[in-house]
Amino acid sequence: MTANQLEALRLFGTYTRGMFDVWALAGSSNARNRAHVMTVWNGKKTPQSAAGVNAMRDAFYSVVNPAGDCIAARDREFLLAMYRLGMPLCRSAQADIGRIMASNQQETKQ
């Protein structure tokens, strides 16, 4: 992961208030924030039209490479990766991490 990408993930966390959920930046009112994150990610100016939530998710997943057979599973793995990188998480994301880790422990016991 490059320094730009790490900084973009930190910025993403700031804009989502620690949720690390792309849908927290959905809508036209967040287009400038999405474009800012993608500009930092790419290291070059990214227009708002190329910075949709799906483009952000695809870019993040291309580096983090979360496992899972559905978007929800990959989102959980992405959140876990943010936790492992030491990104600051909001309380609900911290609770999600606790549930994910407990679920993972249960799966390994079986």
PDB file of N, CA and C in Angstrom:
ATOM      1  N   MET A   1       0.854  -1.169   0.000  1.00  0.00           N
ATOM      2  CA  MET A   1       0.000   0.000   0.000  1.00  0.00           C
ATOM      3  C   MET A   1       0.904   1.238   0.000  1.00  0.00           C
ATOM      4  N   THR A   2       0.579   2.167  -0.867  1.00  0.00           N
ATOM      5  CA  THR A   2       1.382   3.385  -0.973  1.00  0.00           C
ATOM      6  C   THR A   2       1.011   4.377   0.130  1.00  0.00           C
ATOM      7  N   ALA A   3       1.859   5.369   0.319  1.00  0.00           N
ATOM      8  CA  ALA A   3       1.586   6.419   1.300  1.00  0.00           C
ATOM      9  C   ALA A   3       0.320   7.189   0.914  1.00  0.00           C
ATOM     10  N   ASN A   4       0.124   7.427  -0.384  1.00  0.00           N
ATOM     11  CA  ASN A   4      -1.094   8.110  -0.847  1.00  0.00           C
ATOM     12  C   ASN A   4      -2.338   7.302  -0.488  1.00  0.00           C
ATOM     13  N   GLN A   5      -2.278   6.002  -0.715  1.00  0.00           N
ATOM     14  CA  GLN A   5      -3.429   5.155  -0.431  1.00  0.00           C
ATOM     15  C   GLN A   5      -3.735   5.113   1.060  1.00  0.00           C
ATOM     16  N   LEU A   6      -2.701   5.023   1.873  1.00  0.00           N
ATOM     17  CA  LEU A   6      -2.900   5.028   3.317  1.00  0.00           C
ATOM     18  C   LEU A   6      -3.503   6.346   3.781  1.00  0.00           C
ATOM     19  N   GLU A   7      -3.008   7.448   3.231  1.00  0.00           N
ATOM     20  CA  GLU A   7      -3.563   8.754   3.569  1.00  0.00           C
ATOM     21  C   GLU A   7      -5.011   8.873   3.099  1.00  0.00           C
ATOM     22  N   ALA A   8      -5.317   8.339   1.929  1.00  0.00           N
ATOM     23  CA  ALA A   8      -6.698   8.377   1.424  1.00  0.00           C
ATOM     24  C   ALA A   8      -7.625   7.583   2.336  1.00  0.00           C
ATOM     25  N   LEU A   9      -7.166   6.448   2.850  1.00  0.00           N
ATOM     26  CA  LEU A   9      -7.980   5.666   3.774  1.00  0.00           C
ATOM     27  C   LEU A   9      -8.207   6.428   5.080  1.00  0.00           C
ATOM     28  N   ARG A  10      -7.182   7.128   5.556  1.00  0.00           N
ATOM     29  CA  ARG A  10      -7.355   7.953   6.757  1.00  0.00           C
ATOM     30  C   ARG A  10      -8.382   9.062   6.504  1.00  0.00           C
ATOM     31  N   LEU A  11      -8.268   9.688   5.342  1.00  0.00           N
ATOM     32  CA  LEU A  11      -9.201  10.741   4.961  1.00  0.00           C
ATOM     33  C   LEU A  11     -10.620  10.183   4.834  1.00  0.00           C
ATOM     34  N   PHE A  12     -10.738   9.007   4.255  1.00  0.00           N
ATOM     35  CA  PHE A  12     -12.034   8.325   4.137  1.00  0.00           C
ATOM     36  C   PHE A  12     -12.633   8.113   5.523  1.00  0.00           C
ATOM     37  N   GLY A  13     -11.811   7.676   6.461  1.00  0.00           N
ATOM     38  CA  GLY A  13     -12.285   7.496   7.832  1.00  0.00           C
ATOM     39  C   GLY A  13     -12.747   8.796   8.452  1.00  0.00           C
ATOM     40  N   THR A  14     -12.034   9.875   8.170  1.00  0.00           N
ATOM     41  CA  THR A  14     -12.420  11.180   8.693  1.00  0.00           C
ATOM     42  C   THR A  14     -13.766  11.614   8.127  1.00  0.00           C
ATOM     43  N   TYR A  15     -13.922  11.496   6.815  1.00  0.00           N
ATOM     44  CA  TYR A  15     -15.176  11.911   6.176  1.00  0.00           C
ATOM     45  C   TYR A  15     -16.359  11.034   6.581  1.00  0.00           C
ATOM     46  N   THR A  16     -16.114   9.787   6.924  1.00  0.00           N
ATOM     47  CA  THR A  16     -17.216   8.891   7.333  1.00  0.00           C
ATOM     48  C   THR A  16     -17.339   8.822   8.852  1.00  0.00           C
ATOM     49  N   ARG A  17     -16.591   9.660   9.550  1.00  0.00           N
ATOM     50  CA  ARG A  17     -16.614   9.721  11.017  1.00  0.00           C
ATOM     51  C   ARG A  17     -16.290   8.371  11.651  1.00  0.00           C
ATOM     52  N   GLY A  18     -15.339   7.670  11.030  1.00  0.00           N
ATOM     53  CA  GLY A  18     -14.881   6.402  11.580  1.00  0.00           C
ATOM     54  C   GLY A  18     -15.709   5.185  11.230  1.00  0.00           C
ATOM     55  N   MET A  19     -16.702   5.358  10.347  1.00  0.00           N
ATOM     56  CA  MET A  19     -17.538   4.217   9.961  1.00  0.00           C
ATOM     57  C   MET A  19     -16.901   3.380   8.855  1.00  0.00           C
ATOM     58  N   PHE A  20     -16.110   4.009   7.995  1.00  0.00           N
ATOM     59  CA  PHE A  20     -15.469   3.348   6.854  1.00  0.00           C
ATOM     60  C   PHE A  20     -16.501   2.638   5.975  1.00  0.00           C
ATOM     61  N   ASP A  21     -17.626   3.299   5.767  1.00  0.00           N
ATOM     62  CA  ASP A  21     -18.705   2.780   4.932  1.00  0.00           C
ATOM     63  C   ASP A  21     -18.870   3.731   3.745  1.00  0.00           C
ATOM     64  N   VAL A  22     -18.679   3.197   2.533  1.00  0.00           N
ATOM     65  CA  VAL A  22     -18.755   4.079   1.358  1.00  0.00           C
ATOM     66  C   VAL A  22     -20.110   4.753   1.239  1.00  0.00           C
ATOM     67  N   TRP A  23     -21.162   4.091   1.704  1.00  0.00           N
ATOM     68  CA  TRP A  23     -22.494   4.669   1.574  1.00  0.00           C
ATOM     69  C   TRP A  23     -22.681   5.886   2.473  1.00  0.00           C
ATOM     70  N   ALA A  24     -21.802   6.067   3.455  1.00  0.00           N
ATOM     71  CA  ALA A  24     -21.858   7.282   4.273  1.00  0.00           C
ATOM     72  C   ALA A  24     -21.494   8.516   3.447  1.00  0.00           C
ATOM     73  N   LEU A  25     -20.862   8.283   2.282  1.00  0.00           N
ATOM     74  CA  LEU A  25     -20.493   9.401   1.398  1.00  0.00           C
ATOM     75  C   LEU A  25     -21.339   9.423   0.129  1.00  0.00           C
ATOM     76  N   ALA A  26     -22.465   8.741   0.143  1.00  0.00           N
ATOM     77  CA  ALA A  26     -23.339   8.728  -1.035  1.00  0.00           C
ATOM     78  C   ALA A  26     -24.048  10.076  -1.172  1.00  0.00           C
ATOM     79  N   GLY A  27     -24.450  10.375  -2.376  1.00  0.00           N
ATOM     80  CA  GLY A  27     -25.233  11.574  -2.636  1.00  0.00           C
ATOM     81  C   GLY A  27     -24.404  12.748  -3.119  1.00  0.00           C
ATOM     82  N   SER A  28     -25.092  13.675  -3.737  1.00  0.00           N
ATOM     83  CA  SER A  28     -24.423  14.829  -4.336  1.00  0.00           C
ATOM     84  C   SER A  28     -23.779  15.737  -3.291  1.00  0.00           C
ATOM     85  N   SER A  29     -24.318  15.737  -2.072  1.00  0.00           N
ATOM     86  CA  SER A  29     -23.740  16.601  -1.034  1.00  0.00           C
ATOM     87  C   SER A  29     -22.352  16.128  -0.598  1.00  0.00           C
ATOM     88  N   ASN A  30     -21.998  14.884  -0.902  1.00  0.00           N
ATOM     89  CA  ASN A  30     -20.688  14.336  -0.539  1.00  0.00           C
ATOM     90  C   ASN A  30     -19.765  14.146  -1.736  1.00  0.00           C
ATOM     91  N   ALA A  31     -20.171  14.623  -2.900  1.00  0.00           N
ATOM     92  CA  ALA A  31     -19.371  14.426  -4.117  1.00  0.00           C
ATOM     93  C   ALA A  31     -17.977  15.042  -3.982  1.00  0.00           C
ATOM     94  N   ARG A  32     -17.898  16.220  -3.377  1.00  0.00           N
ATOM     95  CA  ARG A  32     -16.597  16.871  -3.212  1.00  0.00           C
ATOM     96  C   ARG A  32     -15.684  16.033  -2.306  1.00  0.00           C
ATOM     97  N   ASN A  33     -16.247  15.476  -1.238  1.00  0.00           N
ATOM     98  CA  ASN A  33     -15.446  14.648  -0.328  1.00  0.00           C
ATOM     99  C   ASN A  33     -14.958  13.373  -1.017  1.00  0.00           C
ATOM    100  N   ARG A  34     -15.834  12.739  -1.796  1.00  0.00           N
ATOM    101  CA  ARG A  34     -15.434  11.529  -2.529  1.00  0.00           C
ATOM    102  C   ARG A  34     -14.322  11.856  -3.524  1.00  0.00           C
ATOM    103  N   ALA A  35     -14.474  12.963  -4.246  1.00  0.00           N
ATOM    104  CA  ALA A  35     -13.457  13.358  -5.221  1.00  0.00           C
ATOM    105  C   ALA A  35     -12.131  13.654  -4.519  1.00  0.00           C
ATOM    106  N   HIS A  36     -12.184  14.265  -3.339  1.00  0.00           N
ATOM    107  CA  HIS A  36     -10.970  14.549  -2.579  1.00  0.00           C
ATOM    108  C   HIS A  36     -10.265  13.248  -2.187  1.00  0.00           C
ATOM    109  N   VAL A  37     -11.013  12.289  -1.667  1.00  0.00           N
ATOM    110  CA  VAL A  37     -10.428  10.999  -1.283  1.00  0.00           C
ATOM    111  C   VAL A  37      -9.804  10.317  -2.499  1.00  0.00           C
ATOM    112  N   MET A  38     -10.508  10.310  -3.613  1.00  0.00           N
ATOM    113  CA  MET A  38     -10.002   9.631  -4.810  1.00  0.00           C
ATOM    114  C   MET A  38      -8.807  10.368  -5.415  1.00  0.00           C
ATOM    115  N   THR A  39      -8.769  11.696  -5.289  1.00  0.00           N
ATOM    116  CA  THR A  39      -7.618  12.462  -5.766  1.00  0.00           C
ATOM    117  C   THR A  39      -6.378  12.082  -4.955  1.00  0.00           C
ATOM    118  N   VAL A  40      -6.523  11.995  -3.647  1.00  0.00           N
ATOM    119  CA  VAL A  40      -5.397  11.575  -2.804  1.00  0.00           C
ATOM    120  C   VAL A  40      -5.014  10.136  -3.135  1.00  0.00           C
ATOM    121  N   TRP A  41      -6.002   9.273  -3.306  1.00  0.00           N
ATOM    122  CA  TRP A  41      -5.757   7.858  -3.616  1.00  0.00           C
ATOM    123  C   TRP A  41      -4.945   7.705  -4.901  1.00  0.00           C
ATOM    124  N   ASN A  42      -5.384   8.406  -5.951  1.00  0.00           N
ATOM    125  CA  ASN A  42      -4.753   8.280  -7.264  1.00  0.00           C
ATOM    126  C   ASN A  42      -3.513   9.144  -7.432  1.00  0.00           C
ATOM    127  N   GLY A  43      -3.371  10.148  -6.592  1.00  0.00           N
ATOM    128  CA  GLY A  43      -2.246  11.064  -6.733  1.00  0.00           C
ATOM    129  C   GLY A  43      -2.414  12.038  -7.876  1.00  0.00           C
ATOM    130  N   LYS A  44      -3.622  12.123  -8.402  1.00  0.00           N
ATOM    131  CA  LYS A  44      -3.918  13.093  -9.460  1.00  0.00           C
ATOM    132  C   LYS A  44      -5.377  13.515  -9.329  1.00  0.00           C
ATOM    133  N   LYS A  45      -5.689  14.667  -9.876  1.00  0.00           N
ATOM    134  CA  LYS A  45      -7.040  15.228  -9.775  1.00  0.00           C
ATOM    135  C   LYS A  45      -8.065  14.245 -10.319  1.00  0.00           C
ATOM    136  N   THR A  46      -9.063  13.945  -9.510  1.00  0.00           N
ATOM    137  CA  THR A  46     -10.147  13.052  -9.912  1.00  0.00           C
ATOM    138  C   THR A  46     -11.438  13.853  -9.928  1.00  0.00           C
ATOM    139  N   PRO A  47     -12.133  13.894 -11.057  1.00  0.00           N
ATOM    140  CA  PRO A  47     -13.385  14.656 -11.109  1.00  0.00           C
ATOM    141  C   PRO A  47     -14.479  13.964 -10.293  1.00  0.00           C
ATOM    142  N   GLN A  48     -15.434  14.745  -9.863  1.00  0.00           N
ATOM    143  CA  GLN A  48     -16.536  14.193  -9.080  1.00  0.00           C
ATOM    144  C   GLN A  48     -17.274  13.092  -9.841  1.00  0.00           C
ATOM    145  N   SER A  49     -17.338  13.222 -11.156  1.00  0.00           N
ATOM    146  CA  SER A  49     -18.052  12.226 -11.961  1.00  0.00           C
ATOM    147  C   SER A  49     -17.379  10.858 -11.946  1.00  0.00           C
ATOM    148  N   ALA A  50     -16.100  10.808 -11.591  1.00  0.00           N
ATOM    149  CA  ALA A  50     -15.360   9.542 -11.545  1.00  0.00           C
ATOM    150  C   ALA A  50     -15.139   9.063 -10.112  1.00  0.00           C
ATOM    151  N   ALA A  51     -15.811   9.702  -9.160  1.00  0.00           N
ATOM    152  CA  ALA A  51     -15.587   9.383  -7.752  1.00  0.00           C
ATOM    153  C   ALA A  51     -16.875   8.935  -7.068  1.00  0.00           C
ATOM    154  N   GLY A  52     -17.584   8.030  -7.693  1.00  0.00           N
ATOM    155  CA  GLY A  52     -18.791   7.489  -7.077  1.00  0.00           C
ATOM    156  C   GLY A  52     -18.447   6.480  -5.990  1.00  0.00           C
ATOM    157  N   VAL A  53     -19.464   6.065  -5.234  1.00  0.00           N
ATOM    158  CA  VAL A  53     -19.211   5.129  -4.141  1.00  0.00           C
ATOM    159  C   VAL A  53     -18.691   3.788  -4.660  1.00  0.00           C
ATOM    160  N   ASN A  54     -19.161   3.348  -5.804  1.00  0.00           N
ATOM    161  CA  ASN A  54     -18.673   2.074  -6.340  1.00  0.00           C
ATOM    162  C   ASN A  54     -17.223   2.178  -6.805  1.00  0.00           C
ATOM    163  N   ALA A  55     -16.845   3.312  -7.367  1.00  0.00           N
ATOM    164  CA  ALA A  55     -15.444   3.519  -7.772  1.00  0.00           C
ATOM    165  C   ALA A  55     -14.534   3.536  -6.550  1.00  0.00           C
ATOM    166  N   MET A  56     -15.009   4.153  -5.475  1.00  0.00           N
ATOM    167  CA  MET A  56     -14.222   4.164  -4.240  1.00  0.00           C
ATOM    168  C   MET A  56     -14.064   2.748  -3.698  1.00  0.00           C
ATOM    169  N   ARG A  57     -15.165   2.040  -3.611  1.00  0.00           N
ATOM    170  CA  ARG A  57     -15.113   0.671  -3.085  1.00  0.00           C
ATOM    171  C   ARG A  57     -14.170  -0.187  -3.932  1.00  0.00           C
ATOM    172  N   ASP A  58     -14.282  -0.088  -5.242  1.00  0.00           N
ATOM    173  CA  ASP A  58     -13.413  -0.880  -6.125  1.00  0.00           C
ATOM    174  C   ASP A  58     -11.941  -0.544  -5.906  1.00  0.00           C
ATOM    175  N   ALA A  59     -11.643   0.742  -5.758  1.00  0.00           N
ATOM    176  CA  ALA A  59     -10.255   1.159  -5.539  1.00  0.00           C
ATOM    177  C   ALA A  59      -9.732   0.614  -4.209  1.00  0.00           C
ATOM    178  N   PHE A  60     -10.517   0.753  -3.162  1.00  0.00           N
ATOM    179  CA  PHE A  60     -10.097   0.272  -1.846  1.00  0.00           C
ATOM    180  C   PHE A  60      -9.923  -1.247  -1.846  1.00  0.00           C
ATOM    181  N   TYR A  61     -10.878  -1.930  -2.446  1.00  0.00           N
ATOM    182  CA  TYR A  61     -10.821  -3.396  -2.463  1.00  0.00           C
ATOM    183  C   TYR A  61      -9.657  -3.913  -3.301  1.00  0.00           C
ATOM    184  N   SER A  62      -9.232  -3.146  -4.301  1.00  0.00           N
ATOM    185  CA  SER A  62      -8.121  -3.593  -5.138  1.00  0.00           C
ATOM    186  C   SER A  62      -6.821  -3.696  -4.342  1.00  0.00           C
ATOM    187  N   VAL A  63      -6.707  -2.942  -3.272  1.00  0.00           N
ATOM    188  CA  VAL A  63      -5.502  -2.980  -2.443  1.00  0.00           C
ATOM    189  C   VAL A  63      -5.707  -3.834  -1.192  1.00  0.00           C
ATOM    190  N   VAL A  64      -6.836  -3.668  -0.540  1.00  0.00           N
ATOM    191  CA  VAL A  64      -7.098  -4.398   0.698  1.00  0.00           C
ATOM    192  C   VAL A  64      -7.458  -5.857   0.402  1.00  0.00           C
ATOM    193  N   ASN A  65      -8.108  -6.097  -0.736  1.00  0.00           N
ATOM    194  CA  ASN A  65      -8.470  -7.436  -1.192  1.00  0.00           C
ATOM    195  C   ASN A  65      -9.237  -8.242  -0.148  1.00  0.00           C
ATOM    196  N   PRO A  66     -10.393  -7.738   0.300  1.00  0.00           N
ATOM    197  CA  PRO A  66     -11.155  -8.465   1.311  1.00  0.00           C
ATOM    198  C   PRO A  66     -11.802  -9.724   0.734  1.00  0.00           C
ATOM    199  N   ALA A  67     -11.815 -10.770   1.534  1.00  0.00           N
ATOM    200  CA  ALA A  67     -12.432 -12.031   1.115  1.00  0.00           C
ATOM    201  C   ALA A  67     -13.931 -11.966   1.367  1.00  0.00           C
ATOM    202  N   GLY A  68     -14.655 -12.798   0.682  1.00  0.00           N
ATOM    203  CA  GLY A  68     -16.101 -12.880   0.894  1.00  0.00           C
ATOM    204  C   GLY A  68     -16.822 -13.085  -0.406  1.00  0.00           C
ATOM    205  N   ASP A  69     -17.949 -13.757  -0.316  1.00  0.00           N
ATOM    206  CA  ASP A  69     -18.701 -14.060  -1.527  1.00  0.00           C
ATOM    207  C   ASP A  69     -19.840 -13.074  -1.783  1.00  0.00           C
ATOM    208  N   CYS A  70     -19.972 -12.071  -0.915  1.00  0.00           N
ATOM    209  CA  CYS A  70     -20.976 -11.030  -1.136  1.00  0.00           C
ATOM    210  C   CYS A  70     -20.419  -9.699  -0.642  1.00  0.00           C
ATOM    211  N   ILE A  71     -21.067  -8.620  -1.021  1.00  0.00           N
ATOM    212  CA  ILE A  71     -20.583  -7.291  -0.642  1.00  0.00           C
ATOM    213  C   ILE A  71     -20.549  -7.126   0.872  1.00  0.00           C
ATOM    214  N   ALA A  72     -21.563  -7.627   1.576  1.00  0.00           N
ATOM    215  CA  ALA A  72     -21.592  -7.481   3.034  1.00  0.00           C
ATOM    216  C   ALA A  72     -20.393  -8.163   3.682  1.00  0.00           C
ATOM    217  N   ALA A  73     -20.033  -9.344   3.206  1.00  0.00           N
ATOM    218  CA  ALA A  73     -18.878 -10.061   3.762  1.00  0.00           C
ATOM    219  C   ALA A  73     -17.587  -9.308   3.458  1.00  0.00           C
ATOM    220  N   ARG A  74     -17.465  -8.781   2.240  1.00  0.00           N
ATOM    221  CA  ARG A  74     -16.262  -8.020   1.893  1.00  0.00           C
ATOM    222  C   ARG A  74     -16.196  -6.711   2.677  1.00  0.00           C
ATOM    223  N   ASP A  75     -17.351  -6.085   2.927  1.00  0.00           N
ATOM    224  CA  ASP A  75     -17.379  -4.869   3.742  1.00  0.00           C
ATOM    225  C   ASP A  75     -16.901  -5.161   5.165  1.00  0.00           C
ATOM    226  N   ARG A  76     -17.317  -6.291   5.725  1.00  0.00           N
ATOM    227  CA  ARG A  76     -16.859  -6.677   7.066  1.00  0.00           C
ATOM    228  C   ARG A  76     -15.342  -6.886   7.071  1.00  0.00           C
ATOM    229  N   GLU A  77     -14.829  -7.557   6.053  1.00  0.00           N
ATOM    230  CA  GLU A  77     -13.382  -7.795   5.971  1.00  0.00           C
ATOM    231  C   GLU A  77     -12.619  -6.485   5.768  1.00  0.00           C
ATOM    232  N   PHE A  78     -13.204  -5.562   5.014  1.00  0.00           N
ATOM    233  CA  PHE A  78     -12.581  -4.254   4.820  1.00  0.00           C
ATOM    234  C   PHE A  78     -12.506  -3.506   6.150  1.00  0.00           C
ATOM    235  N   LEU A  79     -13.599  -3.526   6.909  1.00  0.00           N
ATOM    236  CA  LEU A  79     -13.613  -2.871   8.213  1.00  0.00           C
ATOM    237  C   LEU A  79     -12.570  -3.497   9.140  1.00  0.00           C
ATOM    238  N   LEU A  80     -12.453  -4.798   9.107  1.00  0.00           N
ATOM    239  CA  LEU A  80     -11.447  -5.491   9.906  1.00  0.00           C
ATOM    240  C   LEU A  80     -10.033  -5.068   9.491  1.00  0.00           C
ATOM    241  N   ALA A  81      -9.828  -4.888   8.187  1.00  0.00           N
ATOM    242  CA  ALA A  81      -8.524  -4.428   7.694  1.00  0.00           C
ATOM    243  C   ALA A  81      -8.232  -3.016   8.197  1.00  0.00           C
ATOM    244  N   MET A  82      -9.243  -2.150   8.252  1.00  0.00           N
ATOM    245  CA  MET A  82      -9.043  -0.799   8.765  1.00  0.00           C
ATOM    246  C   MET A  82      -8.662  -0.849  10.248  1.00  0.00           C
ATOM    247  N   TYR A  83      -9.281  -1.743  10.988  1.00  0.00           N
ATOM    248  CA  TYR A  83      -8.945  -1.942  12.405  1.00  0.00           C
ATOM    249  C   TYR A  83      -7.493  -2.391  12.549  1.00  0.00           C
ATOM    250  N   ARG A  84      -7.093  -3.328  11.711  1.00  0.00           N
ATOM    251  CA  ARG A  84      -5.723  -3.848  11.772  1.00  0.00           C
ATOM    252  C   ARG A  84      -4.688  -2.802  11.368  1.00  0.00           C
ATOM    253  N   LEU A  85      -5.087  -1.859  10.520  1.00  0.00           N
ATOM    254  CA  LEU A  85      -4.190  -0.763  10.136  1.00  0.00           C
ATOM    255  C   LEU A  85      -4.120   0.320  11.213  1.00  0.00           C
ATOM    256  N   GLY A  86      -4.939   0.184  12.235  1.00  0.00           N
ATOM    257  CA  GLY A  86      -4.933   1.160  13.320  1.00  0.00           C
ATOM    258  C   GLY A  86      -5.725   2.418  13.039  1.00  0.00           C
ATOM    259  N   MET A  87      -6.660   2.335  12.105  1.00  0.00           N
ATOM    260  CA  MET A  87      -7.483   3.497  11.791  1.00  0.00           C
ATOM    261  C   MET A  87      -8.460   3.757  12.944  1.00  0.00           C
ATOM    262  N   PRO A  88      -8.734   5.024  13.251  1.00  0.00           N
ATOM    263  CA  PRO A  88      -9.701   5.320  14.320  1.00  0.00           C
ATOM    264  C   PRO A  88     -11.121   4.971  13.872  1.00  0.00           C
ATOM    265  N   LEU A  89     -11.813   4.195  14.679  1.00  0.00           N
ATOM    266  CA  LEU A  89     -13.156   3.725  14.351  1.00  0.00           C
ATOM    267  C   LEU A  89     -14.184   4.352  15.284  1.00  0.00           C
ATOM    268  N   CYS A  90     -15.380   4.580  14.765  1.00  0.00           N
ATOM    269  CA  CYS A  90     -16.463   5.061  15.603  1.00  0.00           C
ATOM    270  C   CYS A  90     -16.934   3.906  16.499  1.00  0.00           C
ATOM    271  N   ARG A  91     -17.778   4.208  17.462  1.00  0.00           N
ATOM    272  CA  ARG A  91     -18.236   3.179  18.409  1.00  0.00           C
ATOM    273  C   ARG A  91     -18.986   2.046  17.729  1.00  0.00           C
ATOM    274  N   SER A  92     -19.838   2.378  16.770  1.00  0.00           N
ATOM    275  CA  SER A  92     -20.585   1.310  16.102  1.00  0.00           C
ATOM    276  C   SER A  92     -19.654   0.416  15.292  1.00  0.00           C
ATOM    277  N   ALA A  93     -18.614   1.000  14.676  1.00  0.00           N
ATOM    278  CA  ALA A  93     -17.641   0.194  13.935  1.00  0.00           C
ATOM    279  C   ALA A  93     -16.832  -0.669  14.895  1.00  0.00           C
ATOM    280  N   GLN A  94     -16.510  -0.131  16.078  1.00  0.00           N
ATOM    281  CA  GLN A  94     -15.796  -0.920  17.082  1.00  0.00           C
ATOM    282  C   GLN A  94     -16.651  -2.102  17.527  1.00  0.00           C
ATOM    283  N   ALA A  95     -17.947  -1.862  17.692  1.00  0.00           N
ATOM    284  CA  ALA A  95     -18.855  -2.950  18.068  1.00  0.00           C
ATOM    285  C   ALA A  95     -18.921  -3.986  16.954  1.00  0.00           C
ATOM    286  N   ASP A  96     -18.947  -3.527  15.702  1.00  0.00           N
ATOM    287  CA  ASP A  96     -18.944  -4.453  14.565  1.00  0.00           C
ATOM    288  C   ASP A  96     -17.678  -5.303  14.564  1.00  0.00           C
ATOM    289  N   ILE A  97     -16.547  -4.687  14.870  1.00  0.00           N
ATOM    290  CA  ILE A  97     -15.275  -5.421  14.937  1.00  0.00           C
ATOM    291  C   ILE A  97     -15.373  -6.512  15.993  1.00  0.00           C
ATOM    292  N   GLY A  98     -15.929  -6.179  17.150  1.00  0.00           N
ATOM    293  CA  GLY A  98     -16.099  -7.175  18.207  1.00  0.00           C
ATOM    294  C   GLY A  98     -16.943  -8.351  17.748  1.00  0.00           C
ATOM    295  N   ARG A  99     -18.033  -8.058  17.030  1.00  0.00           N
ATOM    296  CA  ARG A  99     -18.898  -9.138  16.522  1.00  0.00           C
ATOM    297  C   ARG A  99     -18.188  -9.962  15.454  1.00  0.00           C
ATOM    298  N   ILE A 100     -17.444  -9.299  14.585  1.00  0.00           N
ATOM    299  CA  ILE A 100     -16.715 -10.003  13.527  1.00  0.00           C
ATOM    300  C   ILE A 100     -15.675 -10.940  14.144  1.00  0.00           C
ATOM    301  N   MET A 101     -14.940 -10.434  15.104  1.00  0.00           N
ATOM    302  CA  MET A 101     -13.899 -11.251  15.727  1.00  0.00           C
ATOM    303  C   MET A 101     -14.508 -12.421  16.504  1.00  0.00           C
ATOM    304  N   ALA A 102     -15.610 -12.185  17.203  1.00  0.00           N
ATOM    305  CA  ALA A 102     -16.280 -13.266  17.932  1.00  0.00           C
ATOM    306  C   ALA A 102     -16.791 -14.323  16.952  1.00  0.00           C
ATOM    307  N   SER A 103     -17.342 -13.871  15.836  1.00  0.00           N
ATOM    308  CA  SER A 103     -17.838 -14.795  14.818  1.00  0.00           C
ATOM    309  C   SER A 103     -16.691 -15.611  14.214  1.00  0.00           C
ATOM    310  N   ASN A 104     -15.572 -14.952  13.961  1.00  0.00           N
ATOM    311  CA  ASN A 104     -14.409 -15.647  13.413  1.00  0.00           C
ATOM    312  C   ASN A 104     -13.875 -16.695  14.378  1.00  0.00           C
ATOM    313  N   GLN A 105     -13.894 -16.369  15.690  1.00  0.00           N
ATOM    314  CA  GLN A 105     -13.435 -17.318  16.690  1.00  0.00           C
ATOM    315  C   GLN A 105     -14.371 -18.523  16.767  1.00  0.00           C
ATOM    316  N   GLN A 106     -15.662 -18.276  16.645  1.00  0.00           N
ATOM    317  CA  GLN A 106     -16.632 -19.374  16.669  1.00  0.00           C
ATOM    318  C   GLN A 106     -16.425 -20.299  15.475  1.00  0.00           C
ATOM    319  N   GLU A 107     -16.142 -19.715  14.302  1.00  0.00           N
ATOM    320  CA  GLU A 107     -15.929 -20.519  13.107  1.00  0.00           C
ATOM    321  C   GLU A 107     -14.684 -21.387  13.215  1.00  0.00           C
ATOM    322  N   THR A 108     -13.646 -20.866  13.844  1.00  0.00           N
ATOM    323  CA  THR A 108     -12.404 -21.652  13.974  1.00  0.00           C
ATOM    324  C   THR A 108     -12.557 -22.762  15.011  1.00  0.00           C
ATOM    325  N   LYS A 109     -13.442 -22.589  15.980  1.00  0.00           N
ATOM    326  CA  LYS A 109     -13.679 -23.638  16.975  1.00  0.00           C
ATOM    327  C   LYS A 109     -14.423 -24.831  16.379  1.00  0.00           C
ATOM    328  N   GLN A 110     -15.235 -24.554  15.363  1.00  0.00           N
ATOM    329  CA  GLN A 110     -16.061 -25.628  14.785  1.00  0.00           C
ATOM    330  C   GLN A 110     -15.340 -26.441  13.786  1.00  0.00           C
TER     331      GLN A 110
END
